[in-house]
């Protein structure tokens, strides 16, 4: 029996945040990323929301022995949702699941629920490594909820899987956020 896979679209795109094997780029259609708050967390995190007109680029990686316990704990604010033919990847046959906050259990961001800059840094670093600048641009342009306040915690990261960025990576994150803030609301 082949190990199942997860589809990651946020910090799981960054291989530095996990030790799962067989990681490779993938795409899932019919979903979109969004910044959302949940009653289980005080901060906003990314979630996947159904959207027939969109797609998410991300990573799949195998879950050895179908032992989901560690990943389920890491993603405890989310529900694991099986995917079917909407996920495109290079594995011949694989069962793939995506983590998403259950519909009706998440809300748009508010001023009281910021997004951590250290979390954005981790996600962008992953997209840059896997998909280059076009992937970073796609991430910024196709994620909803950028009106969320951003808490600059770079100096003392709050995000538990924070990574050290190069100066170039920091500039790429900052430029992406600058472009978003310059867009009319």
C-alpha atoms as a PDB file:
ATOM      1  CA  UNK A   1       0.000   0.000   0.000  1.00  0.00           C
ATOM      2  CA  UNK A   2       1.306   3.442  -0.933  1.00  0.00           C
ATOM      3  CA  UNK A   3       1.550   6.159   1.705  1.00  0.00           C
ATOM      4  CA  UNK A   4      -1.065   8.919   1.454  1.00  0.00           C
ATOM      5  CA  UNK A   5      -0.052  12.519   0.769  1.00  0.00           C
ATOM      6  CA  UNK A   6      -1.043  15.927   2.077  1.00  0.00           C
ATOM      7  CA  UNK A   7      -1.381  19.035  -0.061  1.00  0.00           C
ATOM      8  CA  UNK A   8       0.232  22.075   1.579  1.00  0.00           C
ATOM      9  CA  UNK A   9      -0.454  25.645   0.460  1.00  0.00           C
ATOM     10  CA  UNK A  10       1.018  27.730   3.309  1.00  0.00           C
ATOM     11  CA  UNK A  11       3.902  26.944   5.633  1.00  0.00           C
ATOM     12  CA  UNK A  12       3.915  23.320   4.436  1.00  0.00           C
ATOM     13  CA  UNK A  13       5.228  24.573   1.073  1.00  0.00           C
ATOM     14  CA  UNK A  14       8.408  25.482   2.941  1.00  0.00           C
ATOM     15  CA  UNK A  15      10.381  22.239   3.288  1.00  0.00           C
ATOM     16  CA  UNK A  16      12.277  23.743   6.230  1.00  0.00           C
ATOM     17  CA  UNK A  17       9.111  23.504   8.356  1.00  0.00           C
ATOM     18  CA  UNK A  18       8.674  19.734   8.121  1.00  0.00           C
ATOM     19  CA  UNK A  19      10.464  16.442   7.521  1.00  0.00           C
ATOM     20  CA  UNK A  20       7.872  14.784   5.276  1.00  0.00           C
ATOM     21  CA  UNK A  21       9.371  12.983   2.287  1.00  0.00           C
ATOM     22  CA  UNK A  22       8.568  12.847  -1.396  1.00  0.00           C
ATOM     23  CA  UNK A  23       7.666  16.543  -1.411  1.00  0.00           C
ATOM     24  CA  UNK A  24       6.942  17.908  -4.851  1.00  0.00           C
ATOM     25  CA  UNK A  25       5.010  20.732  -6.478  1.00  0.00           C
ATOM     26  CA  UNK A  26       1.324  20.172  -7.152  1.00  0.00           C
ATOM     27  CA  UNK A  27      -1.819  22.105  -8.006  1.00  0.00           C
ATOM     28  CA  UNK A  28      -5.367  21.784  -6.753  1.00  0.00           C
ATOM     29  CA  UNK A  29      -8.251  23.275  -8.729  1.00  0.00           C
ATOM     30  CA  UNK A  30     -11.513  24.388  -7.198  1.00  0.00           C
ATOM     31  CA  UNK A  31      -9.880  25.943  -4.129  1.00  0.00           C
ATOM     32  CA  UNK A  32      -8.479  29.342  -3.154  1.00  0.00           C
ATOM     33  CA  UNK A  33      -6.272  30.494  -0.243  1.00  0.00           C
ATOM     34  CA  UNK A  34      -7.650  33.003   2.266  1.00  0.00           C
ATOM     35  CA  UNK A  35      -6.552  34.623   5.512  1.00  0.00           C
ATOM     36  CA  UNK A  36      -9.120  33.642   8.119  1.00  0.00           C
ATOM     37  CA  UNK A  37      -9.594  33.663  11.850  1.00  0.00           C
ATOM     38  CA  UNK A  38     -10.961  30.709  13.743  1.00  0.00           C
ATOM     39  CA  UNK A  39     -12.347  30.379  17.254  1.00  0.00           C
ATOM     40  CA  UNK A  40      -9.399  28.043  17.919  1.00  0.00           C
ATOM     41  CA  UNK A  41      -6.751  30.714  17.248  1.00  0.00           C
ATOM     42  CA  UNK A  42      -6.364  34.394  18.087  1.00  0.00           C
ATOM     43  CA  UNK A  43      -4.364  35.096  14.928  1.00  0.00           C
ATOM     44  CA  UNK A  44      -5.286  34.777  11.270  1.00  0.00           C
ATOM     45  CA  UNK A  45      -3.884  31.859   9.329  1.00  0.00           C
ATOM     46  CA  UNK A  46      -4.220  30.658   5.785  1.00  0.00           C
ATOM     47  CA  UNK A  47      -6.986  28.277   4.926  1.00  0.00           C
ATOM     48  CA  UNK A  48      -8.256  26.811   1.688  1.00  0.00           C
ATOM     49  CA  UNK A  49     -11.792  27.713   0.659  1.00  0.00           C
ATOM     50  CA  UNK A  50     -13.763  26.137  -2.181  1.00  0.00           C
ATOM     51  CA  UNK A  51     -13.760  28.249  -5.348  1.00  0.00           C
ATOM     52  CA  UNK A  52     -14.646  26.534  -8.630  1.00  0.00           C
ATOM     53  CA  UNK A  53     -12.947  29.281 -10.638  1.00  0.00           C
ATOM     54  CA  UNK A  54      -9.530  29.177  -8.985  1.00  0.00           C
ATOM     55  CA  UNK A  55      -6.573  26.968  -8.141  1.00  0.00           C
ATOM     56  CA  UNK A  56      -3.786  26.791  -5.595  1.00  0.00           C
ATOM     57  CA  UNK A  57      -0.194  25.903  -6.303  1.00  0.00           C
ATOM     58  CA  UNK A  58       1.418  24.070  -3.426  1.00  0.00           C
ATOM     59  CA  UNK A  59       3.294  20.955  -2.390  1.00  0.00           C
ATOM     60  CA  UNK A  60       2.345  17.376  -1.775  1.00  0.00           C
ATOM     61  CA  UNK A  61       4.379  15.125   0.510  1.00  0.00           C
ATOM     62  CA  UNK A  62       3.871  11.605   1.761  1.00  0.00           C
ATOM     63  CA  UNK A  63       2.634  10.718   5.226  1.00  0.00           C
ATOM     64  CA  UNK A  64       4.607   7.555   6.104  1.00  0.00           C
ATOM     65  CA  UNK A  65       2.462   4.630   7.168  1.00  0.00           C
ATOM     66  CA  UNK A  66      -0.636   6.867   7.013  1.00  0.00           C
ATOM     67  CA  UNK A  67       0.365   8.090  10.471  1.00  0.00           C
ATOM     68  CA  UNK A  68      -1.450  11.414  10.390  1.00  0.00           C
ATOM     69  CA  UNK A  69      -1.145  12.064  14.155  1.00  0.00           C
ATOM     70  CA  UNK A  70       1.735  14.597  14.060  1.00  0.00           C
ATOM     71  CA  UNK A  71       0.350  16.468  11.065  1.00  0.00           C
ATOM     72  CA  UNK A  72      -3.190  16.444  12.471  1.00  0.00           C
ATOM     73  CA  UNK A  73      -1.775  17.946  15.681  1.00  0.00           C
ATOM     74  CA  UNK A  74       0.155  20.619  13.767  1.00  0.00           C
ATOM     75  CA  UNK A  75      -2.953  21.450  11.747  1.00  0.00           C
ATOM     76  CA  UNK A  76      -5.401  21.023  14.658  1.00  0.00           C
ATOM     77  CA  UNK A  77      -7.479  24.096  13.755  1.00  0.00           C
ATOM     78  CA  UNK A  78      -8.229  22.498  10.379  1.00  0.00           C
ATOM     79  CA  UNK A  79     -10.201  19.554   9.091  1.00  0.00           C
ATOM     80  CA  UNK A  80      -8.420  17.049   6.823  1.00  0.00           C
ATOM     81  CA  UNK A  81     -10.381  16.859   3.542  1.00  0.00           C
ATOM     82  CA  UNK A  82      -9.745  14.120   0.955  1.00  0.00           C
ATOM     83  CA  UNK A  83      -9.055  15.342  -2.567  1.00  0.00           C
ATOM     84  CA  UNK A  84      -9.802  13.579  -5.822  1.00  0.00           C
ATOM     85  CA  UNK A  85      -8.973  14.408  -9.429  1.00  0.00           C
ATOM     86  CA  UNK A  86      -8.834  18.133  -8.637  1.00  0.00           C
ATOM     87  CA  UNK A  87      -5.253  17.680  -7.437  1.00  0.00           C
ATOM     88  CA  UNK A  88      -2.583  17.428 -10.126  1.00  0.00           C
ATOM     89  CA  UNK A  89       0.828  16.059  -9.235  1.00  0.00           C
ATOM     90  CA  UNK A  90       3.656  13.866 -10.471  1.00  0.00           C
ATOM     91  CA  UNK A  91       2.890  10.783  -8.364  1.00  0.00           C
ATOM     92  CA  UNK A  92       1.404   7.934 -10.384  1.00  0.00           C
ATOM     93  CA  UNK A  93      -1.367   7.166  -7.890  1.00  0.00           C
ATOM     94  CA  UNK A  94      -1.846   8.766  -4.527  1.00  0.00           C
ATOM     95  CA  UNK A  95      -4.505   9.555  -1.987  1.00  0.00           C
ATOM     96  CA  UNK A  96      -4.141  13.244  -1.159  1.00  0.00           C
ATOM     97  CA  UNK A  97      -5.781  15.356   1.560  1.00  0.00           C
ATOM     98  CA  UNK A  98      -5.885  19.099   2.120  1.00  0.00           C
ATOM     99  CA  UNK A  99      -6.300  20.831   5.476  1.00  0.00           C
ATOM    100  CA  UNK A 100      -8.984  23.539   5.615  1.00  0.00           C
ATOM    101  CA  UNK A 101     -10.852  25.277   8.390  1.00  0.00           C
ATOM    102  CA  UNK A 102     -14.333  23.813   8.325  1.00  0.00           C
ATOM    103  CA  UNK A 103     -16.879  25.917   6.448  1.00  0.00           C
ATOM    104  CA  UNK A 104     -18.852  28.080   8.870  1.00  0.00           C
ATOM    105  CA  UNK A 105     -16.099  27.886  11.497  1.00  0.00           C
ATOM    106  CA  UNK A 106     -13.909  30.676  10.145  1.00  0.00           C
ATOM    107  CA  UNK A 107     -14.408  34.372   9.664  1.00  0.00           C
ATOM    108  CA  UNK A 108     -12.678  37.159   7.739  1.00  0.00           C
ATOM    109  CA  UNK A 109      -9.844  38.925   9.545  1.00  0.00           C
ATOM    110  CA  UNK A 110     -10.480  41.802  11.933  1.00  0.00           C
ATOM    111  CA  UNK A 111      -8.177  44.330  13.585  1.00  0.00           C
ATOM    112  CA  UNK A 112      -8.084  42.037  16.626  1.00  0.00           C
ATOM    113  CA  UNK A 113      -6.815  39.050  14.599  1.00  0.00           C
ATOM    114  CA  UNK A 114      -3.588  39.980  12.807  1.00  0.00           C
ATOM    115  CA  UNK A 115      -1.439  37.881  10.503  1.00  0.00           C
ATOM    116  CA  UNK A 116       2.114  37.307  11.718  1.00  0.00           C
ATOM    117  CA  UNK A 117       4.783  38.683   9.400  1.00  0.00           C
ATOM    118  CA  UNK A 118       7.000  35.742  10.412  1.00  0.00           C
ATOM    119  CA  UNK A 119       4.296  33.396   9.045  1.00  0.00           C
ATOM    120  CA  UNK A 120       4.096  35.304   5.752  1.00  0.00           C
ATOM    121  CA  UNK A 121       7.912  35.157   5.582  1.00  0.00           C
ATOM    122  CA  UNK A 122       7.875  31.351   5.932  1.00  0.00           C
ATOM    123  CA  UNK A 123       5.204  30.931   3.258  1.00  0.00           C
ATOM    124  CA  UNK A 124       6.879  33.275   0.771  1.00  0.00           C
ATOM    125  CA  UNK A 125      10.283  31.660   1.384  1.00  0.00           C
ATOM    126  CA  UNK A 126       8.710  28.299   0.501  1.00  0.00           C
ATOM    127  CA  UNK A 127       7.004  29.587  -2.639  1.00  0.00           C
ATOM    128  CA  UNK A 128      10.207  31.294  -3.755  1.00  0.00           C
ATOM    129  CA  UNK A 129      12.199  28.068  -3.337  1.00  0.00           C
ATOM    130  CA  UNK A 130       9.637  25.889  -5.104  1.00  0.00           C
ATOM    131  CA  UNK A 131       8.014  28.163  -7.699  1.00  0.00           C
ATOM    132  CA  UNK A 132      10.359  31.149  -8.061  1.00  0.00           C
ATOM    133  CA  UNK A 133       9.180  34.749  -8.305  1.00  0.00           C
ATOM    134  CA  UNK A 134       6.125  33.825 -10.430  1.00  0.00           C
ATOM    135  CA  UNK A 135       4.960  31.545  -7.600  1.00  0.00           C
ATOM    136  CA  UNK A 136       5.419  34.316  -5.033  1.00  0.00           C
ATOM    137  CA  UNK A 137       3.468  36.744  -7.225  1.00  0.00           C
ATOM    138  CA  UNK A 138       0.701  34.158  -7.671  1.00  0.00           C
ATOM    139  CA  UNK A 139       0.579  33.633  -3.893  1.00  0.00           C
ATOM    140  CA  UNK A 140       0.100  37.349  -3.213  1.00  0.00           C
ATOM    141  CA  UNK A 141      -2.381  37.873  -6.057  1.00  0.00           C
ATOM    142  CA  UNK A 142      -4.595  34.845  -5.392  1.00  0.00           C
ATOM    143  CA  UNK A 143      -4.926  34.946  -1.612  1.00  0.00           C
ATOM    144  CA  UNK A 144      -7.976  36.651  -0.111  1.00  0.00           C
ATOM    145  CA  UNK A 145      -8.003  38.638   3.109  1.00  0.00           C
ATOM    146  CA  UNK A 146      -4.978  40.881   2.700  1.00  0.00           C
ATOM    147  CA  UNK A 147      -6.917  43.623   4.478  1.00  0.00           C
ATOM    148  CA  UNK A 148      -5.928  41.812   7.690  1.00  0.00           C
ATOM    149  CA  UNK A 149      -3.559  43.751   9.904  1.00  0.00           C
ATOM    150  CA  UNK A 150      -0.005  42.406   9.841  1.00  0.00           C
ATOM    151  CA  UNK A 151       1.911  42.126  13.093  1.00  0.00           C
ATOM    152  CA  UNK A 152       5.620  42.697  12.467  1.00  0.00           C
ATOM    153  CA  UNK A 153       7.240  40.040  14.669  1.00  0.00           C
ATOM    154  CA  UNK A 154      10.407  39.538  12.585  1.00  0.00           C
ATOM    155  CA  UNK A 155      12.772  40.599  15.359  1.00  0.00           C
ATOM    156  CA  UNK A 156      11.123  38.264  17.910  1.00  0.00           C
ATOM    157  CA  UNK A 157       9.062  35.743  15.894  1.00  0.00           C
ATOM    158  CA  UNK A 158       5.877  34.444  17.456  1.00  0.00           C
ATOM    159  CA  UNK A 159       5.237  31.908  14.688  1.00  0.00           C
ATOM    160  CA  UNK A 160       6.569  28.535  15.961  1.00  0.00           C
ATOM    161  CA  UNK A 161       8.118  27.498  12.634  1.00  0.00           C
ATOM    162  CA  UNK A 162       9.688  30.879  11.813  1.00  0.00           C
ATOM    163  CA  UNK A 163      12.722  30.783   9.536  1.00  0.00           C
ATOM    164  CA  UNK A 164      15.639  33.108   8.986  1.00  0.00           C
ATOM    165  CA  UNK A 165      15.296  34.915   5.680  1.00  0.00           C
ATOM    166  CA  UNK A 166      18.039  36.306   3.512  1.00  0.00           C
ATOM    167  CA  UNK A 167      17.979  40.029   2.793  1.00  0.00           C
ATOM    168  CA  UNK A 168      16.740  39.243  -0.736  1.00  0.00           C
ATOM    169  CA  UNK A 169      13.880  37.110   0.628  1.00  0.00           C
ATOM    170  CA  UNK A 170      12.879  39.865   3.071  1.00  0.00           C
ATOM    171  CA  UNK A 171      12.857  42.385   0.229  1.00  0.00           C
ATOM    172  CA  UNK A 172      10.639  40.087  -1.863  1.00  0.00           C
ATOM    173  CA  UNK A 173       8.141  39.732   1.012  1.00  0.00           C
ATOM    174  CA  UNK A 174       8.167  43.462   1.713  1.00  0.00           C
ATOM    175  CA  UNK A 175       7.741  44.324  -1.991  1.00  0.00           C
ATOM    176  CA  UNK A 176       4.773  41.923  -2.272  1.00  0.00           C
ATOM    177  CA  UNK A 177       3.093  43.469   0.749  1.00  0.00           C
ATOM    178  CA  UNK A 178       3.842  46.969  -0.575  1.00  0.00           C
ATOM    179  CA  UNK A 179       2.159  46.170  -3.887  1.00  0.00           C
ATOM    180  CA  UNK A 180      -0.924  44.957  -2.032  1.00  0.00           C
ATOM    181  CA  UNK A 181      -1.148  48.061   0.144  1.00  0.00           C
ATOM    182  CA  UNK A 182      -0.860  50.284  -2.952  1.00  0.00           C
ATOM    183  CA  UNK A 183      -3.903  48.646  -4.590  1.00  0.00           C
ATOM    184  CA  UNK A 184      -7.245  50.440  -4.263  1.00  0.00           C
ATOM    185  CA  UNK A 185      -9.477  48.789  -1.683  1.00  0.00           C
END
